[in-house]
């Protein structure tokens, strides 16, 4: 019982510290990547997250900065163009979070398309 409480508390702390970065920090960075797409864009495809703690990254790479963690059954959306990149053994999809509106890259094996 005590181990379960400790592991749950640890998961909550991790989620609180890695859930997302402040929008002000994102917009204040003058060296912002070309892959950082504005959160205001039309939606073309709906994807659902298949597992808990899926990482949304700034770049389509395992070494890309983690922007936020996505939870199982959360929805994310592709923009007007399909952005898929093969890197580090994964196909990365550029999506926007339904919860925050922020955009980033997610490995396709952790999300499932609802539209195509």
Protein backbone atom coordinates (compact mmCIF):
# COMPACT_ATOMS: atom_id res chain seq x y z
CA UNK A 1 0.00 0.00 0.00
CA UNK A 2 2.78 2.42 0.94
CA UNK A 3 4.67 1.66 -2.31
CA UNK A 4 1.54 2.40 -4.33
CA UNK A 5 1.05 5.75 -2.57
CA UNK A 6 4.70 6.70 -3.12
CA UNK A 7 4.63 5.70 -6.80
CA UNK A 8 1.37 7.63 -7.32
CA UNK A 9 2.83 10.70 -5.63
CA UNK A 10 5.96 10.44 -7.77
CA UNK A 11 3.85 10.21 -10.95
CA UNK A 12 1.89 13.32 -9.93
CA UNK A 13 5.09 15.28 -9.25
CA UNK A 14 6.55 14.21 -12.60
CA UNK A 15 3.38 15.20 -14.43
CA UNK A 16 3.27 18.56 -12.67
CA UNK A 17 6.85 19.38 -13.59
CA UNK A 18 6.77 18.12 -17.19
CA UNK A 19 3.19 18.70 -18.30
CA UNK A 20 3.92 21.80 -20.36
CA UNK A 21 6.06 24.87 -20.74
CA UNK A 22 4.58 28.35 -20.26
CA UNK A 23 3.44 30.01 -23.47
CA UNK A 24 5.39 33.14 -22.50
CA UNK A 25 8.64 31.15 -22.41
CA UNK A 26 7.90 29.72 -25.85
CA UNK A 27 7.13 33.09 -27.45
CA UNK A 28 10.05 34.84 -25.75
CA UNK A 29 12.61 32.58 -27.42
CA UNK A 30 14.00 34.46 -30.47
CA UNK A 31 15.71 31.25 -31.67
CA UNK A 32 12.45 29.36 -31.92
CA UNK A 33 12.61 26.39 -34.27
CA UNK A 34 10.92 26.47 -37.66
CA UNK A 35 9.21 23.25 -36.54
CA UNK A 36 7.36 25.15 -33.79
CA UNK A 37 4.05 25.83 -35.48
CA UNK A 38 1.55 28.37 -34.17
CA UNK A 39 -1.17 26.77 -32.08
CA UNK A 40 -3.82 28.53 -34.18
CA UNK A 41 -4.29 26.38 -37.26
CA UNK A 42 -7.17 24.54 -38.92
CA UNK A 43 -7.53 20.88 -38.01
CA UNK A 44 -7.33 18.20 -40.68
CA UNK A 45 -6.99 14.93 -38.76
CA UNK A 46 -7.89 13.86 -35.25
CA UNK A 47 -5.57 11.50 -33.39
CA UNK A 48 -6.12 9.83 -30.02
CA UNK A 49 -3.27 9.04 -27.61
CA UNK A 50 -2.98 5.28 -26.99
CA UNK A 51 -0.97 5.28 -23.71
CA UNK A 52 -0.32 7.43 -20.63
CA UNK A 53 2.76 9.66 -20.37
CA UNK A 54 3.36 10.03 -24.13
CA UNK A 55 5.95 12.75 -24.78
CA UNK A 56 5.28 15.66 -27.15
CA UNK A 57 8.66 16.96 -28.32
CA UNK A 58 9.91 20.23 -29.80
CA UNK A 59 11.79 18.37 -32.59
CA UNK A 60 11.03 15.03 -34.32
CA UNK A 61 13.76 13.19 -32.42
CA UNK A 62 14.30 11.23 -29.21
CA UNK A 63 16.71 14.00 -28.20
CA UNK A 64 14.10 16.73 -28.81
CA UNK A 65 13.04 18.72 -25.75
CA UNK A 66 9.89 17.36 -24.10
CA UNK A 67 7.20 20.05 -24.25
CA UNK A 68 4.46 18.18 -22.42
CA UNK A 69 3.13 14.75 -21.52
CA UNK A 70 -0.04 13.42 -23.12
CA UNK A 71 -2.43 11.04 -21.43
CA UNK A 72 -4.34 8.04 -22.78
CA UNK A 73 -7.52 8.97 -24.73
CA UNK A 74 -6.42 12.61 -25.07
CA UNK A 75 -7.03 14.12 -28.52
CA UNK A 76 -4.41 15.82 -30.68
CA UNK A 77 -4.83 17.31 -34.16
CA UNK A 78 -2.78 17.66 -37.33
CA UNK A 79 -2.68 21.01 -39.07
CA UNK A 80 -3.60 21.79 -42.67
CA UNK A 81 -0.54 19.96 -44.03
CA UNK A 82 0.49 16.46 -43.06
CA UNK A 83 3.88 16.70 -41.36
CA UNK A 84 5.41 13.22 -40.94
CA UNK A 85 9.15 12.76 -40.40
CA UNK A 86 11.10 9.50 -40.09
CA UNK A 87 13.88 9.82 -37.49
CA UNK A 88 15.44 7.73 -34.70
CA UNK A 89 13.48 4.65 -35.79
CA UNK A 90 10.07 6.34 -35.47
CA UNK A 91 7.66 8.17 -37.71
CA UNK A 92 6.94 11.51 -36.02
CA UNK A 93 3.66 13.39 -36.51
CA UNK A 94 3.38 17.15 -35.96
CA UNK A 95 0.23 17.69 -33.89
CA UNK A 96 -1.46 20.24 -31.63
CA UNK A 97 -2.78 19.39 -28.19
CA UNK A 98 -6.54 19.69 -27.70
CA UNK A 99 -5.88 20.50 -24.01
CA UNK A 100 -3.29 23.28 -24.43
CA UNK A 101 -3.26 24.17 -28.13
CA UNK A 102 0.53 23.76 -28.20
CA UNK A 103 2.20 22.03 -31.13
CA UNK A 104 4.93 19.42 -31.13
CA UNK A 105 6.06 16.06 -32.46
CA UNK A 106 4.72 12.69 -31.27
CA UNK A 107 5.91 9.23 -32.35
CA UNK A 108 3.14 7.69 -34.45
CA UNK A 109 3.17 4.37 -32.58
CA UNK A 110 1.67 6.14 -29.54
CA UNK A 111 -1.23 7.82 -31.33
CA UNK A 112 -4.00 6.49 -33.56
CA UNK A 113 -5.61 8.47 -36.38
CA UNK A 114 -9.37 8.75 -36.27
CA UNK A 115 -9.78 10.28 -39.75
CA UNK A 116 -7.64 8.40 -42.30
